Amino acid sequence: MFADTSATAALPANPYRTRLLEGMAHSVAAKAYGDTTVADIVREAGVSKRSFYECFASKDECLIALYVAASHGALKVLKESIDPGRDWKTQVEHALGAYLACLASNPALLRTLFVEILGLGDPGLQVRRRMNQELADFVMQVVHAGHRHTPQEAARHRTLAMAVVGGINELVLQSIEAGRTADLAELTQPCSALVRAVLTTAD
C-alpha cells in the first residue's frame, strides 16, 4: 500500500490489528470495498473472525483505521522528503513529488481511500477532514518555518493551507476518475505552483 501500516504500532492494539489492516488493503485492492467482506479480510490476514471483532466493531471501522494508517504513511513520506537546507519552495516541490509517487504506488487502494471512504457518511468525512488538517498543518510548518504571526494571521494561513490541500485532493480525484493514477507525478508542478501562488501571498 502507500506505506507500512505499522504506523498503527503506536496504538495500544490487539497484535492482529496490523495484519487485519493489511488484509483489508489486499482485499479492497483485489475487489473494491463494496464487495469486500469480513471473511475476505480475515482470510487475507490469516486470522479468525473473533480476532477481527476484538480489533474492530465493523468492516467500516476497519476501513477507517486503514485510511488513517495509509494517510500517516503518506505523510511520513512527505516529511522525510523535506530538506531544511533548501528554500521552502524547492522543499515543497520535492516533497510533493514524493507524496504523489507514494499515492500512485497502489491505484486500487488509492481509489478506495479517496473515493469510497466518503461512502461511510459522517465518520468517513470526519476522518478525511482530520487527515487533511494534519497535511495542511505540515504544509504551514514548512512554508512558515521560523516566522512569527499574530493569532489572526495564523488563522488565515491555516485556512489557506486547507484550501491548498483541498485543491491538491481535487486534482488527485480527477486523475483517479480519469484512470490516470499512474501519472500522478505529472501533478507535481501544478500542485507546487498552487502552494506558491496561495501561500506566498498570505502575508
N, C-alpha and C. Protein backbone atom coordinates (compact mmCIF):
# COMPACT_ATOMS: atom_id res chain seq x y z
N MET A 1 0.84 -1.19 0.00
CA MET A 1 0.00 0.00 0.00
C MET A 1 0.88 1.25 0.00
N PHE A 2 0.34 2.39 0.41
CA PHE A 2 1.11 3.64 0.33
C PHE A 2 2.36 3.57 1.18
N ALA A 3 2.23 2.97 2.33
CA ALA A 3 3.37 2.84 3.24
C ALA A 3 3.00 1.79 4.26
N ASP A 4 3.98 1.38 5.06
CA ASP A 4 3.79 0.33 6.04
C ASP A 4 2.70 0.70 7.04
N THR A 5 1.73 -0.18 7.23
CA THR A 5 0.67 0.11 8.20
C THR A 5 1.16 -0.05 9.63
N SER A 6 2.45 -0.28 9.83
CA SER A 6 2.98 -0.31 11.18
C SER A 6 2.88 1.06 11.83
N ALA A 7 2.40 2.07 11.06
CA ALA A 7 2.13 3.37 11.65
C ALA A 7 1.13 3.24 12.78
N THR A 8 0.38 2.13 12.81
CA THR A 8 -0.58 1.91 13.90
C THR A 8 0.08 1.31 15.13
N ALA A 9 1.37 1.06 15.06
CA ALA A 9 2.04 0.39 16.17
C ALA A 9 2.01 1.20 17.44
N ALA A 10 1.84 2.53 17.31
CA ALA A 10 1.82 3.38 18.48
C ALA A 10 0.52 3.20 19.27
N LEU A 11 -0.48 2.55 18.66
CA LEU A 11 -1.76 2.36 19.33
C LEU A 11 -1.70 1.13 20.23
N PRO A 12 -2.39 1.18 21.38
CA PRO A 12 -2.43 0.02 22.26
C PRO A 12 -3.40 -1.03 21.69
N ALA A 13 -3.00 -1.68 20.60
CA ALA A 13 -3.92 -2.50 19.82
C ALA A 13 -3.65 -3.99 19.99
N ASN A 14 -4.66 -4.78 19.63
CA ASN A 14 -4.53 -6.22 19.53
C ASN A 14 -3.38 -6.54 18.57
N PRO A 15 -2.57 -7.56 18.86
CA PRO A 15 -1.42 -7.85 17.98
C PRO A 15 -1.81 -8.22 16.55
N TYR A 16 -3.09 -8.56 16.32
CA TYR A 16 -3.52 -8.90 14.97
C TYR A 16 -3.97 -7.68 14.17
N ARG A 17 -4.00 -6.52 14.79
CA ARG A 17 -4.55 -5.33 14.15
C ARG A 17 -3.85 -5.00 12.82
N THR A 18 -2.54 -4.97 12.83
CA THR A 18 -1.80 -4.62 11.62
C THR A 18 -2.04 -5.66 10.52
N ARG A 19 -2.09 -6.94 10.90
CA ARG A 19 -2.36 -7.98 9.91
C ARG A 19 -3.75 -7.80 9.29
N LEU A 20 -4.72 -7.38 10.10
CA LEU A 20 -6.06 -7.16 9.58
C LEU A 20 -6.12 -5.95 8.65
N LEU A 21 -5.36 -4.91 8.98
CA LEU A 21 -5.31 -3.76 8.08
C LEU A 21 -4.69 -4.14 6.74
N GLU A 22 -3.65 -4.96 6.79
CA GLU A 22 -3.06 -5.43 5.55
C GLU A 22 -4.05 -6.32 4.80
N GLY A 23 -4.81 -7.13 5.53
CA GLY A 23 -5.82 -7.96 4.90
C GLY A 23 -6.88 -7.12 4.22
N MET A 24 -7.31 -6.05 4.87
CA MET A 24 -8.27 -5.13 4.27
C MET A 24 -7.67 -4.50 3.01
N ALA A 25 -6.42 -4.05 3.10
CA ALA A 25 -5.77 -3.42 1.95
C ALA A 25 -5.72 -4.37 0.76
N HIS A 26 -5.34 -5.61 0.99
CA HIS A 26 -5.25 -6.58 -0.10
C HIS A 26 -6.63 -6.87 -0.69
N SER A 27 -7.64 -6.96 0.18
CA SER A 27 -8.98 -7.27 -0.27
C SER A 27 -9.56 -6.16 -1.14
N VAL A 28 -9.47 -4.92 -0.68
CA VAL A 28 -10.06 -3.83 -1.45
C VAL A 28 -9.28 -3.57 -2.73
N ALA A 29 -7.98 -3.88 -2.72
CA ALA A 29 -7.20 -3.74 -3.95
C ALA A 29 -7.65 -4.76 -4.98
N ALA A 30 -8.08 -5.93 -4.50
CA ALA A 30 -8.48 -7.00 -5.41
C ALA A 30 -9.92 -6.89 -5.88
N LYS A 31 -10.82 -6.43 -5.01
CA LYS A 31 -12.24 -6.49 -5.37
C LYS A 31 -13.06 -5.29 -4.93
N ALA A 32 -12.43 -4.21 -4.50
CA ALA A 32 -13.10 -2.97 -4.08
C ALA A 32 -13.79 -3.16 -2.73
N TYR A 33 -14.01 -2.06 -2.06
CA TYR A 33 -14.54 -2.11 -0.71
C TYR A 33 -15.96 -2.67 -0.65
N GLY A 34 -16.80 -2.25 -1.57
CA GLY A 34 -18.19 -2.68 -1.54
C GLY A 34 -18.35 -4.19 -1.62
N ASP A 35 -17.45 -4.87 -2.30
CA ASP A 35 -17.52 -6.32 -2.46
C ASP A 35 -16.68 -7.07 -1.43
N THR A 36 -15.95 -6.34 -0.61
CA THR A 36 -15.11 -6.97 0.40
C THR A 36 -15.95 -7.33 1.63
N THR A 37 -15.76 -8.53 2.14
CA THR A 37 -16.46 -8.98 3.33
C THR A 37 -15.46 -9.18 4.47
N VAL A 38 -15.98 -9.30 5.68
CA VAL A 38 -15.12 -9.60 6.81
C VAL A 38 -14.41 -10.93 6.58
N ALA A 39 -15.11 -11.87 5.96
CA ALA A 39 -14.49 -13.17 5.66
C ALA A 39 -13.29 -13.00 4.74
N ASP A 40 -13.39 -12.09 3.76
CA ASP A 40 -12.26 -11.82 2.87
C ASP A 40 -11.08 -11.27 3.66
N ILE A 41 -11.38 -10.34 4.54
CA ILE A 41 -10.32 -9.66 5.31
C ILE A 41 -9.57 -10.66 6.19
N VAL A 42 -10.32 -11.48 6.92
CA VAL A 42 -9.65 -12.41 7.85
C VAL A 42 -8.90 -13.49 7.08
N ARG A 43 -9.41 -13.87 5.91
CA ARG A 43 -8.70 -14.86 5.09
C ARG A 43 -7.36 -14.29 4.63
N GLU A 44 -7.38 -13.04 4.16
CA GLU A 44 -6.13 -12.40 3.73
C GLU A 44 -5.17 -12.22 4.90
N ALA A 45 -5.73 -11.94 6.08
CA ALA A 45 -4.89 -11.68 7.26
C ALA A 45 -4.42 -12.96 7.93
N GLY A 46 -5.11 -14.08 7.66
CA GLY A 46 -4.74 -15.34 8.29
C GLY A 46 -5.12 -15.39 9.75
N VAL A 47 -6.23 -14.74 10.10
CA VAL A 47 -6.70 -14.76 11.49
C VAL A 47 -8.19 -15.13 11.50
N SER A 48 -8.76 -15.26 12.69
CA SER A 48 -10.15 -15.64 12.82
C SER A 48 -11.07 -14.42 12.84
N LYS A 49 -12.37 -14.67 12.61
CA LYS A 49 -13.33 -13.59 12.73
C LYS A 49 -13.37 -13.06 14.16
N ARG A 50 -13.17 -13.93 15.11
CA ARG A 50 -13.14 -13.49 16.50
C ARG A 50 -12.04 -12.45 16.70
N SER A 51 -10.88 -12.70 16.12
CA SER A 51 -9.78 -11.73 16.22
C SER A 51 -10.14 -10.41 15.56
N PHE A 52 -10.87 -10.51 14.45
CA PHE A 52 -11.30 -9.28 13.77
C PHE A 52 -12.16 -8.44 14.71
N TYR A 53 -13.16 -9.07 15.31
CA TYR A 53 -14.10 -8.31 16.13
C TYR A 53 -13.51 -7.91 17.49
N GLU A 54 -12.36 -8.46 17.84
CA GLU A 54 -11.64 -7.97 19.01
C GLU A 54 -10.94 -6.66 18.70
N CYS A 55 -10.69 -6.42 17.40
CA CYS A 55 -9.99 -5.20 16.96
C CYS A 55 -10.95 -4.14 16.43
N PHE A 56 -11.97 -4.57 15.71
CA PHE A 56 -12.86 -3.63 15.04
C PHE A 56 -14.31 -4.03 15.24
N ALA A 57 -15.16 -3.04 15.40
CA ALA A 57 -16.59 -3.30 15.58
C ALA A 57 -17.26 -3.66 14.27
N SER A 58 -16.67 -3.24 13.15
CA SER A 58 -17.30 -3.45 11.85
C SER A 58 -16.27 -3.32 10.74
N LYS A 59 -16.70 -3.68 9.54
CA LYS A 59 -15.86 -3.51 8.36
C LYS A 59 -15.57 -2.04 8.13
N ASP A 60 -16.56 -1.18 8.36
CA ASP A 60 -16.37 0.27 8.18
C ASP A 60 -15.28 0.80 9.11
N GLU A 61 -15.31 0.34 10.35
CA GLU A 61 -14.30 0.80 11.32
C GLU A 61 -12.91 0.37 10.88
N CYS A 62 -12.81 -0.82 10.30
CA CYS A 62 -11.52 -1.31 9.80
C CYS A 62 -11.04 -0.44 8.64
N LEU A 63 -11.97 -0.05 7.75
CA LEU A 63 -11.58 0.81 6.63
C LEU A 63 -11.08 2.16 7.13
N ILE A 64 -11.74 2.71 8.13
CA ILE A 64 -11.31 3.99 8.68
C ILE A 64 -9.92 3.87 9.27
N ALA A 65 -9.66 2.77 9.98
CA ALA A 65 -8.33 2.56 10.55
C ALA A 65 -7.28 2.42 9.46
N LEU A 66 -7.64 1.74 8.37
CA LEU A 66 -6.72 1.62 7.24
C LEU A 66 -6.45 2.99 6.62
N TYR A 67 -7.50 3.78 6.49
CA TYR A 67 -7.36 5.13 5.93
C TYR A 67 -6.39 5.97 6.76
N VAL A 68 -6.53 5.91 8.08
CA VAL A 68 -5.65 6.67 8.96
C VAL A 68 -4.21 6.19 8.82
N ALA A 69 -4.02 4.86 8.84
CA ALA A 69 -2.67 4.31 8.73
C ALA A 69 -2.02 4.66 7.40
N ALA A 70 -2.77 4.53 6.30
CA ALA A 70 -2.23 4.85 4.98
C ALA A 70 -1.94 6.34 4.85
N SER A 71 -2.82 7.18 5.40
CA SER A 71 -2.61 8.62 5.35
C SER A 71 -1.37 9.01 6.13
N HIS A 72 -1.19 8.42 7.30
CA HIS A 72 0.01 8.71 8.09
C HIS A 72 1.26 8.21 7.38
N GLY A 73 1.12 7.08 6.67
CA GLY A 73 2.27 6.57 5.92
C GLY A 73 2.67 7.53 4.81
N ALA A 74 1.66 8.06 4.09
CA ALA A 74 1.95 9.01 3.01
C ALA A 74 2.51 10.31 3.57
N LEU A 75 1.99 10.75 4.72
CA LEU A 75 2.50 11.96 5.36
C LEU A 75 3.94 11.76 5.81
N LYS A 76 4.27 10.56 6.26
CA LYS A 76 5.63 10.24 6.67
C LYS A 76 6.58 10.37 5.48
N VAL A 77 6.15 9.89 4.31
CA VAL A 77 6.96 10.03 3.09
C VAL A 77 7.18 11.51 2.80
N LEU A 78 6.12 12.29 2.93
CA LEU A 78 6.20 13.73 2.69
C LEU A 78 7.21 14.38 3.63
N LYS A 79 7.13 14.06 4.90
CA LYS A 79 8.02 14.67 5.89
C LYS A 79 9.47 14.27 5.66
N GLU A 80 9.69 13.01 5.29
CA GLU A 80 11.05 12.53 5.09
C GLU A 80 11.68 13.09 3.82
N SER A 81 10.86 13.70 2.96
CA SER A 81 11.37 14.29 1.71
C SER A 81 11.79 15.73 1.88
N ILE A 82 11.55 16.28 3.07
CA ILE A 82 11.91 17.68 3.33
C ILE A 82 13.39 17.81 3.62
N ASP A 83 14.02 18.77 2.98
CA ASP A 83 15.43 19.08 3.19
C ASP A 83 15.54 20.51 3.71
N PRO A 84 15.71 20.69 5.03
CA PRO A 84 15.75 22.03 5.61
C PRO A 84 16.83 22.92 5.03
N GLY A 85 17.81 22.33 4.35
CA GLY A 85 18.88 23.12 3.77
C GLY A 85 18.48 23.85 2.50
N ARG A 86 17.30 23.53 1.97
CA ARG A 86 16.81 24.18 0.75
C ARG A 86 15.73 25.21 1.09
N ASP A 87 15.48 26.12 0.16
CA ASP A 87 14.40 27.08 0.37
C ASP A 87 13.07 26.33 0.35
N TRP A 88 12.03 26.92 0.96
CA TRP A 88 10.79 26.19 1.15
C TRP A 88 10.11 25.83 -0.16
N LYS A 89 10.28 26.65 -1.20
CA LYS A 89 9.63 26.34 -2.48
C LYS A 89 10.21 25.07 -3.08
N THR A 90 11.52 24.93 -3.00
CA THR A 90 12.17 23.71 -3.51
C THR A 90 11.78 22.51 -2.66
N GLN A 91 11.72 22.72 -1.33
CA GLN A 91 11.32 21.64 -0.43
C GLN A 91 9.92 21.14 -0.77
N VAL A 92 9.00 22.07 -0.98
CA VAL A 92 7.61 21.71 -1.27
C VAL A 92 7.51 20.92 -2.56
N GLU A 93 8.20 21.36 -3.60
CA GLU A 93 8.13 20.66 -4.89
C GLU A 93 8.69 19.24 -4.77
N HIS A 94 9.82 19.11 -4.11
CA HIS A 94 10.44 17.79 -3.94
C HIS A 94 9.53 16.88 -3.12
N ALA A 95 8.99 17.41 -2.03
CA ALA A 95 8.15 16.61 -1.14
C ALA A 95 6.85 16.21 -1.82
N LEU A 96 6.25 17.12 -2.58
CA LEU A 96 5.01 16.80 -3.29
C LEU A 96 5.24 15.70 -4.33
N GLY A 97 6.39 15.74 -5.00
CA GLY A 97 6.71 14.70 -5.96
C GLY A 97 6.76 13.34 -5.29
N ALA A 98 7.39 13.27 -4.12
CA ALA A 98 7.49 12.01 -3.38
C ALA A 98 6.12 11.56 -2.88
N TYR A 99 5.33 12.51 -2.42
CA TYR A 99 3.99 12.22 -1.91
C TYR A 99 3.09 11.66 -3.02
N LEU A 100 3.10 12.29 -4.18
CA LEU A 100 2.27 11.84 -5.29
C LEU A 100 2.72 10.48 -5.82
N ALA A 101 4.03 10.25 -5.82
CA ALA A 101 4.54 8.94 -6.23
C ALA A 101 4.08 7.87 -5.25
N CYS A 102 4.03 8.23 -3.97
CA CYS A 102 3.56 7.30 -2.94
C CYS A 102 2.10 6.96 -3.17
N LEU A 103 1.28 7.96 -3.46
CA LEU A 103 -0.14 7.72 -3.73
C LEU A 103 -0.33 6.83 -4.95
N ALA A 104 0.49 7.04 -5.97
CA ALA A 104 0.35 6.29 -7.22
C ALA A 104 0.80 4.84 -7.10
N SER A 105 1.43 4.49 -5.99
CA SER A 105 2.02 3.16 -5.86
C SER A 105 0.98 2.05 -5.75
N ASN A 106 -0.26 2.39 -5.39
CA ASN A 106 -1.31 1.38 -5.31
C ASN A 106 -2.63 1.97 -5.79
N PRO A 107 -2.88 1.96 -7.11
CA PRO A 107 -4.06 2.60 -7.68
C PRO A 107 -5.39 2.10 -7.12
N ALA A 108 -5.52 0.78 -6.91
CA ALA A 108 -6.78 0.23 -6.42
C ALA A 108 -7.08 0.73 -5.01
N LEU A 109 -6.08 0.71 -4.16
CA LEU A 109 -6.28 1.19 -2.80
C LEU A 109 -6.48 2.70 -2.78
N LEU A 110 -5.82 3.39 -3.68
CA LEU A 110 -5.96 4.84 -3.76
C LEU A 110 -7.43 5.22 -3.99
N ARG A 111 -8.09 4.54 -4.90
CA ARG A 111 -9.50 4.84 -5.16
C ARG A 111 -10.35 4.59 -3.92
N THR A 112 -10.08 3.49 -3.24
CA THR A 112 -10.84 3.19 -2.03
C THR A 112 -10.69 4.28 -0.99
N LEU A 113 -9.47 4.73 -0.79
CA LEU A 113 -9.20 5.69 0.28
C LEU A 113 -9.58 7.12 -0.09
N PHE A 114 -9.62 7.44 -1.37
CA PHE A 114 -10.01 8.80 -1.77
C PHE A 114 -11.50 8.91 -2.10
N VAL A 115 -12.10 7.82 -2.56
CA VAL A 115 -13.49 7.89 -3.02
C VAL A 115 -14.43 7.14 -2.09
N GLU A 116 -14.14 5.87 -1.85
CA GLU A 116 -15.09 5.05 -1.11
C GLU A 116 -15.15 5.39 0.37
N ILE A 117 -14.11 6.01 0.92
CA ILE A 117 -14.16 6.42 2.32
C ILE A 117 -15.34 7.36 2.57
N LEU A 118 -15.70 8.15 1.56
CA LEU A 118 -16.80 9.10 1.71
C LEU A 118 -18.14 8.40 1.72
N GLY A 119 -18.19 7.17 1.23
CA GLY A 119 -19.42 6.40 1.26
C GLY A 119 -19.81 5.97 2.66
N LEU A 120 -18.92 6.17 3.62
CA LEU A 120 -19.22 5.81 5.01
C LEU A 120 -20.03 6.88 5.71
N GLY A 121 -20.32 7.99 5.01
CA GLY A 121 -21.08 9.07 5.63
C GLY A 121 -20.23 9.92 6.56
N ASP A 122 -20.84 10.40 7.64
CA ASP A 122 -20.15 11.32 8.55
C ASP A 122 -18.84 10.78 9.10
N PRO A 123 -18.77 9.51 9.52
CA PRO A 123 -17.48 9.00 10.04
C PRO A 123 -16.36 9.10 9.00
N GLY A 124 -16.68 8.77 7.75
CA GLY A 124 -15.67 8.87 6.69
C GLY A 124 -15.27 10.30 6.42
N LEU A 125 -16.26 11.18 6.40
CA LEU A 125 -15.99 12.60 6.16
C LEU A 125 -15.14 13.19 7.28
N GLN A 126 -15.45 12.83 8.51
CA GLN A 126 -14.72 13.38 9.65
C GLN A 126 -13.27 12.94 9.66
N VAL A 127 -13.01 11.66 9.38
CA VAL A 127 -11.63 11.20 9.41
C VAL A 127 -10.86 11.78 8.23
N ARG A 128 -11.54 11.98 7.10
CA ARG A 128 -10.88 12.60 5.95
C ARG A 128 -10.48 14.03 6.28
N ARG A 129 -11.37 14.76 6.95
CA ARG A 129 -11.05 16.13 7.33
C ARG A 129 -9.91 16.18 8.33
N ARG A 130 -9.89 15.21 9.25
CA ARG A 130 -8.82 15.19 10.25
C ARG A 130 -7.47 14.95 9.58
N MET A 131 -7.42 14.02 8.64
CA MET A 131 -6.16 13.75 7.95
C MET A 131 -5.75 14.93 7.06
N ASN A 132 -6.74 15.58 6.43
CA ASN A 132 -6.43 16.77 5.63
C ASN A 132 -5.87 17.88 6.50
N GLN A 133 -6.39 18.01 7.72
CA GLN A 133 -5.88 19.04 8.62
C GLN A 133 -4.43 18.77 9.00
N GLU A 134 -4.10 17.50 9.23
CA GLU A 134 -2.70 17.15 9.54
C GLU A 134 -1.79 17.53 8.38
N LEU A 135 -2.25 17.29 7.16
CA LEU A 135 -1.46 17.63 5.98
C LEU A 135 -1.32 19.14 5.85
N ALA A 136 -2.42 19.86 6.07
CA ALA A 136 -2.38 21.32 5.98
C ALA A 136 -1.45 21.90 7.05
N ASP A 137 -1.49 21.35 8.25
CA ASP A 137 -0.61 21.82 9.32
C ASP A 137 0.86 21.63 8.95
N PHE A 138 1.15 20.50 8.29
CA PHE A 138 2.53 20.25 7.89
C PHE A 138 2.97 21.23 6.82
N VAL A 139 2.10 21.50 5.86
CA VAL A 139 2.41 22.48 4.82
C VAL A 139 2.75 23.83 5.45
N MET A 140 1.95 24.24 6.42
CA MET A 140 2.20 25.51 7.10
C MET A 140 3.52 25.49 7.84
N GLN A 141 3.84 24.36 8.44
CA GLN A 141 5.10 24.23 9.18
C GLN A 141 6.30 24.44 8.26
N VAL A 142 6.22 23.90 7.05
CA VAL A 142 7.33 24.04 6.10
C VAL A 142 7.41 25.46 5.55
N VAL A 143 6.27 25.97 5.12
CA VAL A 143 6.25 27.28 4.45
C VAL A 143 6.60 28.42 5.41
N HIS A 144 6.14 28.32 6.63
CA HIS A 144 6.32 29.44 7.56
C HIS A 144 7.29 29.11 8.70
N ALA A 145 8.20 28.18 8.45
CA ALA A 145 9.20 27.85 9.47
C ALA A 145 10.00 29.09 9.87
N GLY A 146 10.06 29.34 11.16
CA GLY A 146 10.84 30.48 11.65
C GLY A 146 10.10 31.80 11.64
N HIS A 147 8.88 31.84 11.10
CA HIS A 147 8.10 33.08 11.04
C HIS A 147 7.21 33.19 12.28
N ARG A 148 7.01 34.40 12.73
CA ARG A 148 6.10 34.64 13.83
C ARG A 148 4.87 35.38 13.30
N HIS A 149 3.69 34.93 13.71
CA HIS A 149 2.46 35.53 13.21
C HIS A 149 1.52 35.84 14.37
N THR A 150 0.68 36.82 14.16
CA THR A 150 -0.37 37.11 15.12
C THR A 150 -1.40 35.99 15.05
N PRO A 151 -2.23 35.85 16.07
CA PRO A 151 -3.28 34.81 16.02
C PRO A 151 -4.17 34.96 14.80
N GLN A 152 -4.46 36.19 14.40
CA GLN A 152 -5.31 36.42 13.23
C GLN A 152 -4.61 35.94 11.95
N GLU A 153 -3.31 36.27 11.84
CA GLU A 153 -2.56 35.83 10.68
C GLU A 153 -2.46 34.31 10.63
N ALA A 154 -2.22 33.70 11.78
CA ALA A 154 -2.10 32.25 11.84
C ALA A 154 -3.39 31.57 11.41
N ALA A 155 -4.53 32.13 11.85
CA ALA A 155 -5.82 31.56 11.48
C ALA A 155 -6.05 31.67 9.98
N ARG A 156 -5.66 32.81 9.39
CA ARG A 156 -5.82 33.00 7.95
C ARG A 156 -4.94 32.02 7.18
N HIS A 157 -3.71 31.82 7.66
CA HIS A 157 -2.80 30.90 7.00
C HIS A 157 -3.32 29.47 7.06
N ARG A 158 -3.89 29.08 8.20
CA ARG A 158 -4.43 27.72 8.31
C ARG A 158 -5.57 27.50 7.32
N THR A 159 -6.40 28.53 7.15
CA THR A 159 -7.49 28.43 6.19
C THR A 159 -6.96 28.27 4.78
N LEU A 160 -5.95 29.06 4.43
CA LEU A 160 -5.37 28.99 3.09
C LEU A 160 -4.68 27.65 2.85
N ALA A 161 -4.00 27.14 3.89
CA ALA A 161 -3.33 25.85 3.75
C ALA A 161 -4.35 24.74 3.50
N MET A 162 -5.50 24.81 4.18
CA MET A 162 -6.53 23.81 3.95
C MET A 162 -7.10 23.93 2.53
N ALA A 163 -7.20 25.16 2.04
CA ALA A 163 -7.67 25.36 0.66
C ALA A 163 -6.69 24.73 -0.32
N VAL A 164 -5.40 24.84 -0.04
CA VAL A 164 -4.38 24.23 -0.90
C VAL A 164 -4.52 22.71 -0.89
N VAL A 165 -4.66 22.15 0.30
CA VAL A 165 -4.82 20.69 0.41
C VAL A 165 -6.06 20.22 -0.34
N GLY A 166 -7.16 20.98 -0.20
CA GLY A 166 -8.38 20.64 -0.93
C GLY A 166 -8.17 20.67 -2.43
N GLY A 167 -7.42 21.66 -2.91
CA GLY A 167 -7.14 21.75 -4.34
C GLY A 167 -6.32 20.58 -4.83
N ILE A 168 -5.31 20.19 -4.05
CA ILE A 168 -4.48 19.05 -4.42
C ILE A 168 -5.31 17.77 -4.45
N ASN A 169 -6.16 17.60 -3.43
CA ASN A 169 -7.03 16.42 -3.39
C ASN A 169 -7.95 16.35 -4.61
N GLU A 170 -8.45 17.50 -5.03
CA GLU A 170 -9.35 17.53 -6.18
C GLU A 170 -8.60 17.11 -7.45
N LEU A 171 -7.36 17.56 -7.60
CA LEU A 171 -6.57 17.15 -8.76
C LEU A 171 -6.31 15.65 -8.75
N VAL A 172 -6.05 15.10 -7.56
CA VAL A 172 -5.84 13.66 -7.44
C VAL A 172 -7.13 12.91 -7.79
N LEU A 173 -8.26 13.40 -7.31
CA LEU A 173 -9.54 12.77 -7.60
C LEU A 173 -9.83 12.77 -9.10
N GLN A 174 -9.52 13.86 -9.77
CA GLN A 174 -9.72 13.92 -11.21
C GLN A 174 -8.88 12.86 -11.91
N SER A 175 -7.66 12.67 -11.45
CA SER A 175 -6.80 11.65 -12.04
C SER A 175 -7.35 10.25 -11.81
N ILE A 176 -7.89 10.03 -10.60
CA ILE A 176 -8.49 8.73 -10.29
C ILE A 176 -9.66 8.46 -11.22
N GLU A 177 -10.54 9.45 -11.36
CA GLU A 177 -11.74 9.29 -12.19
C GLU A 177 -11.38 9.07 -13.66
N ALA A 178 -10.27 9.67 -14.09
CA ALA A 178 -9.86 9.54 -15.49
C ALA A 178 -9.00 8.29 -15.72
N GLY A 179 -8.76 7.53 -14.67
CA GLY A 179 -7.93 6.33 -14.80
C GLY A 179 -6.47 6.65 -15.06
N ARG A 180 -6.01 7.77 -14.52
CA ARG A 180 -4.63 8.21 -14.77
C ARG A 180 -3.80 8.24 -13.48
N THR A 181 -4.06 7.32 -12.58
CA THR A 181 -3.33 7.33 -11.31
C THR A 181 -1.83 7.07 -11.50
N ALA A 182 -1.49 6.36 -12.56
CA ALA A 182 -0.07 6.10 -12.81
C ALA A 182 0.69 7.37 -13.18
N ASP A 183 -0.07 8.41 -13.55
CA ASP A 183 0.55 9.66 -13.98
C ASP A 183 0.47 10.76 -12.92
N LEU A 184 0.25 10.38 -11.67
CA LEU A 184 0.09 11.38 -10.61
C LEU A 184 1.33 12.27 -10.47
N ALA A 185 2.50 11.75 -10.82
CA ALA A 185 3.71 12.56 -10.71
C ALA A 185 3.63 13.82 -11.58
N GLU A 186 2.81 13.75 -12.63
CA GLU A 186 2.66 14.92 -13.51
C GLU A 186 1.96 16.09 -12.79
N LEU A 187 1.35 15.80 -11.66
CA LEU A 187 0.69 16.86 -10.88
C LEU A 187 1.66 17.63 -9.99
N THR A 188 2.91 17.18 -9.92
CA THR A 188 3.87 17.83 -9.03
C THR A 188 4.01 19.32 -9.33
N GLN A 189 4.17 19.66 -10.60
CA GLN A 189 4.35 21.07 -10.96
C GLN A 189 3.12 21.92 -10.67
N PRO A 190 1.92 21.51 -11.14
CA PRO A 190 0.74 22.33 -10.84
C PRO A 190 0.44 22.41 -9.34
N CYS A 191 0.66 21.34 -8.60
CA CYS A 191 0.42 21.38 -7.15
C CYS A 191 1.42 22.31 -6.46
N SER A 192 2.67 22.26 -6.89
CA SER A 192 3.69 23.16 -6.32
C SER A 192 3.36 24.60 -6.64
N ALA A 193 2.89 24.84 -7.87
CA ALA A 193 2.52 26.20 -8.27
C ALA A 193 1.35 26.70 -7.43
N LEU A 194 0.42 25.81 -7.11
CA LEU A 194 -0.73 26.18 -6.27
C LEU A 194 -0.26 26.59 -4.88
N VAL A 195 0.63 25.82 -4.30
CA VAL A 195 1.16 26.16 -2.97
C VAL A 195 1.84 27.52 -3.01
N ARG A 196 2.67 27.72 -4.02
CA ARG A 196 3.40 29.02 -4.11
C ARG A 196 2.42 30.17 -4.31
N ALA A 197 1.45 29.99 -5.21
CA ALA A 197 0.53 31.09 -5.54
C ALA A 197 -0.32 31.50 -4.35
N VAL A 198 -0.76 30.52 -3.56
CA VAL A 198 -1.64 30.83 -2.44
C VAL A 198 -0.88 31.29 -1.21
N LEU A 199 0.18 30.58 -0.86
CA LEU A 199 0.82 30.83 0.44
C LEU A 199 1.88 31.93 0.39
N THR A 200 2.42 32.25 -0.77
CA THR A 200 3.37 33.37 -0.80
C THR A 200 2.68 34.71 -0.73
N THR A 201 1.37 34.72 -0.96
CA THR A 201 0.62 35.97 -0.88
C THR A 201 -0.17 36.09 0.42
N ALA A 202 0.08 35.15 1.33
CA ALA A 202 -0.70 35.10 2.56
C ALA A 202 -0.35 36.24 3.51
N ASP A 203 0.88 36.67 3.50
CA ASP A 203 1.30 37.69 4.47
C ASP A 203 0.88 39.09 4.04
